[in-house]
Protein backbone atom coordinates (compact mmCIF):
# COMPACT_ATOMS: atom_id res chain seq x y z
CA MET A 1 84.23 -156.24 34.99
CA PHE A 2 83.83 -159.53 33.10
CA THR A 3 87.27 -160.68 34.21
CA ALA A 4 86.44 -159.88 37.85
CA VAL A 5 83.23 -161.94 37.60
CA ILE A 6 85.16 -164.88 36.12
CA TRP A 7 87.75 -164.70 38.91
CA LEU A 8 85.03 -164.44 41.55
CA LEU A 9 83.16 -167.46 40.13
CA THR A 10 86.39 -169.43 39.95
CA GLY A 11 87.16 -168.66 43.58
CA VAL A 12 83.64 -169.60 44.70
CA PHE A 13 83.69 -172.92 42.84
CA LEU A 14 87.21 -173.69 44.05
CA ALA A 15 86.17 -173.06 47.66
CA TRP A 16 83.08 -175.21 47.12
CA SER A 17 85.20 -178.01 45.67
CA TRP A 18 87.69 -177.71 48.54
CA ALA A 19 84.86 -177.99 51.06
CA LYS A 20 83.44 -181.07 49.29
CA ASP A 21 86.69 -183.04 48.80
CA ARG A 22 90.11 -181.62 49.61
CA GLY A 23 92.01 -184.54 48.11
CA LYS A 24 90.39 -184.34 44.70
CA THR A 25 90.66 -180.56 44.67
CA ARG A 26 94.36 -180.74 45.54
CA GLN A 27 94.85 -183.38 42.82
CA ALA A 28 93.02 -181.19 40.27
CA LEU A 29 95.10 -178.16 41.24
CA MET A 30 98.34 -180.12 40.86
CA LYS A 31 97.24 -181.43 37.46
CA SER A 32 96.28 -177.95 36.25
CA TRP A 33 99.59 -176.54 37.56
CA LYS A 34 101.52 -179.15 35.55
CA ALA A 35 99.51 -178.31 32.42
CA PHE A 36 100.10 -174.60 32.99
CA ALA A 37 103.83 -175.11 33.57
CA GLY A 38 104.06 -177.20 30.41
CA ILE A 39 102.38 -174.65 28.19
CA LEU A 40 103.86 -171.50 29.79
CA PRO A 41 107.18 -171.46 27.87
CA ASP A 42 105.36 -171.56 24.51
CA PHE A 43 102.93 -168.81 25.48
CA ALA A 44 105.69 -166.70 26.98
CA GLY A 45 107.64 -166.99 23.73
CA VAL A 46 104.63 -165.96 21.66
CA LEU A 47 103.90 -163.03 23.96
CA LEU A 48 107.55 -161.96 23.84
CA LEU A 49 107.60 -162.04 20.03
CA ILE A 50 104.34 -160.11 19.79
CA GLY A 51 105.55 -157.55 22.30
CA LEU A 52 108.80 -157.08 20.43
CA ALA A 53 107.00 -156.76 17.09
CA LEU A 54 104.60 -154.16 18.47
CA ALA A 55 107.45 -152.27 20.13
CA LEU A 56 109.75 -152.32 17.09
CA LEU A 57 107.21 -151.64 14.34
CA SER A 58 105.96 -148.09 14.19
CA PRO A 59 102.29 -147.37 13.47
CA ALA A 60 103.37 -145.98 10.09
CA THR A 61 105.11 -149.25 9.23
CA ILE A 62 102.13 -151.33 10.31
CA LYS A 63 99.81 -149.08 8.32
CA SER A 64 102.02 -149.33 5.22
CA LEU A 65 102.25 -153.14 5.47
CA VAL A 66 98.72 -154.13 6.51
CA GLY A 67 96.69 -150.93 6.50
CA GLY A 68 93.31 -150.67 4.83
CA GLN A 69 94.83 -149.11 1.71
CA THR A 70 97.11 -152.11 1.10
CA GLY A 71 94.17 -154.09 -0.28
CA PHE A 72 94.75 -157.63 -1.45
CA TRP A 73 98.54 -157.59 -0.83
CA GLY A 74 98.07 -156.62 2.80
CA MET A 75 95.50 -159.37 3.13
CA PHE A 76 97.85 -161.84 1.45
CA LEU A 77 100.67 -160.87 3.84
CA THR A 78 98.51 -161.24 6.94
CA SER A 79 97.05 -164.51 5.64
CA ILE A 80 100.53 -166.00 5.29
CA VAL A 81 101.46 -164.88 8.81
CA GLY A 82 98.15 -166.21 10.14
CA ALA A 83 98.51 -169.55 8.38
CA ILE A 84 102.05 -170.13 9.61
CA THR A 85 101.83 -168.94 13.21
CA LEU A 86 100.22 -170.81 16.05
CA ILE A 87 98.75 -168.30 18.47
CA PRO A 88 95.88 -169.10 20.83
CA GLY A 89 92.70 -167.07 20.45
CA PHE A 90 92.99 -165.32 23.80
CA ILE A 91 96.26 -163.79 22.59
CA ALA A 92 95.27 -163.35 18.93
CA PHE A 93 92.18 -161.23 19.50
CA PRO A 94 93.86 -158.64 21.75
CA LEU A 95 96.76 -158.59 19.27
CA ALA A 96 94.31 -157.91 16.44
CA LYS A 97 92.78 -155.05 18.40
CA SER A 98 96.25 -153.62 19.06
CA LEU A 99 97.15 -153.86 15.37
CA MET A 100 93.90 -152.16 14.37
CA ASN A 101 94.60 -149.36 16.87
CA LEU A 102 97.99 -148.94 15.19
CA GLY A 103 96.48 -148.60 11.71
CA ALA A 104 95.90 -152.13 10.37
CA GLY A 105 92.90 -152.56 8.08
CA VAL A 106 89.71 -154.43 8.96
CA ARG A 107 89.96 -156.89 6.06
CA GLN A 108 93.64 -157.51 6.72
CA ILE A 109 92.99 -158.30 10.37
CA ALA A 110 89.92 -160.40 9.52
CA VAL A 111 91.91 -162.62 7.16
CA PHE A 112 94.74 -162.80 9.72
CA ILE A 113 92.41 -164.04 12.47
CA SER A 114 90.56 -166.35 10.12
CA THR A 115 93.69 -168.04 8.76
CA LEU A 116 95.16 -168.14 12.25
CA MET A 117 92.18 -170.10 13.52
CA MET A 118 91.42 -172.27 10.46
CA VAL A 119 94.64 -172.90 8.52
CA GLY A 120 97.32 -174.98 10.16
CA VAL A 121 100.70 -175.12 8.45
CA VAL A 122 102.44 -175.91 11.73
CA THR A 123 99.87 -178.52 12.73
CA ALA A 124 99.58 -180.07 9.24
CA PRO A 125 101.94 -183.01 9.94
CA MET A 126 99.89 -184.04 12.96
CA GLU A 127 96.65 -183.54 11.04
CA MET A 128 98.00 -185.67 8.16
CA LYS A 129 98.76 -188.44 10.61
CA TYR A 130 95.10 -188.69 11.61
CA PHE A 131 93.18 -187.60 8.51
CA GLY A 132 95.61 -188.32 5.69
CA LYS A 133 97.54 -186.03 3.35
CA ARG A 134 94.72 -185.45 0.85
CA ALA A 135 92.10 -184.51 3.45
CA THR A 136 94.54 -182.21 5.23
CA LEU A 137 95.50 -180.41 2.02
CA ILE A 138 91.89 -180.01 0.89
CA ARG A 139 90.77 -178.79 4.31
CA ASN A 140 93.59 -176.24 4.56
CA ILE A 141 93.14 -174.98 0.99
CA LEU A 142 89.40 -174.55 1.49
CA ALA A 143 89.96 -172.89 4.87
CA TYR A 144 92.49 -170.51 3.32
CA ALA A 145 90.08 -169.56 0.53
CA PHE A 146 87.20 -169.22 2.97
CA SER A 147 89.32 -166.87 5.08
CA PHE A 148 89.42 -164.39 2.20
CA ILE A 149 85.67 -164.66 1.66
CA THR A 150 85.15 -164.06 5.37
CA ALA A 151 87.49 -161.06 5.28
CA PHE A 152 85.63 -159.51 2.34
CA VAL A 153 82.30 -159.95 4.14
CA VAL A 154 83.72 -158.51 7.36
CA GLY A 155 85.18 -155.63 5.35
CA VAL A 156 81.78 -154.84 3.81
CA VAL A 157 79.93 -155.10 7.12
CA ALA A 158 82.47 -153.49 9.47
CA GLY A 159 84.89 -151.71 7.20
């Protein structure tokens, strides 16, 4: 229902923009198409890898690797994966739900999402360029530690 409302609002505002100024609307659509085409290969690759992982790993394997009974080691494993990978939130949250449906633990998924959003191993070189090596290291170390604190709190509240 929410998605239908978003699509409906988008269509209404696009029609309104088209009625106001066709040239600017066409220019905006071309610009957004170029941005979409530029980012599509990366997203398609991420979606393909996630799809393959979910298809190849059985629920028993997922539960044994990152299930609730795995405790700290399952959290450590998911935190490493979350810190290294670069997945946008609109893909990460449905993935987390899928993993939880297949037997992953709440704390393990919480630390995965938290490190995915806050720790940037892949983006560290770019971050160092703007903020310096020391600030980048401190920020990432603190974010990594905070991810575990967040996961423990989420585990107490929701687990």
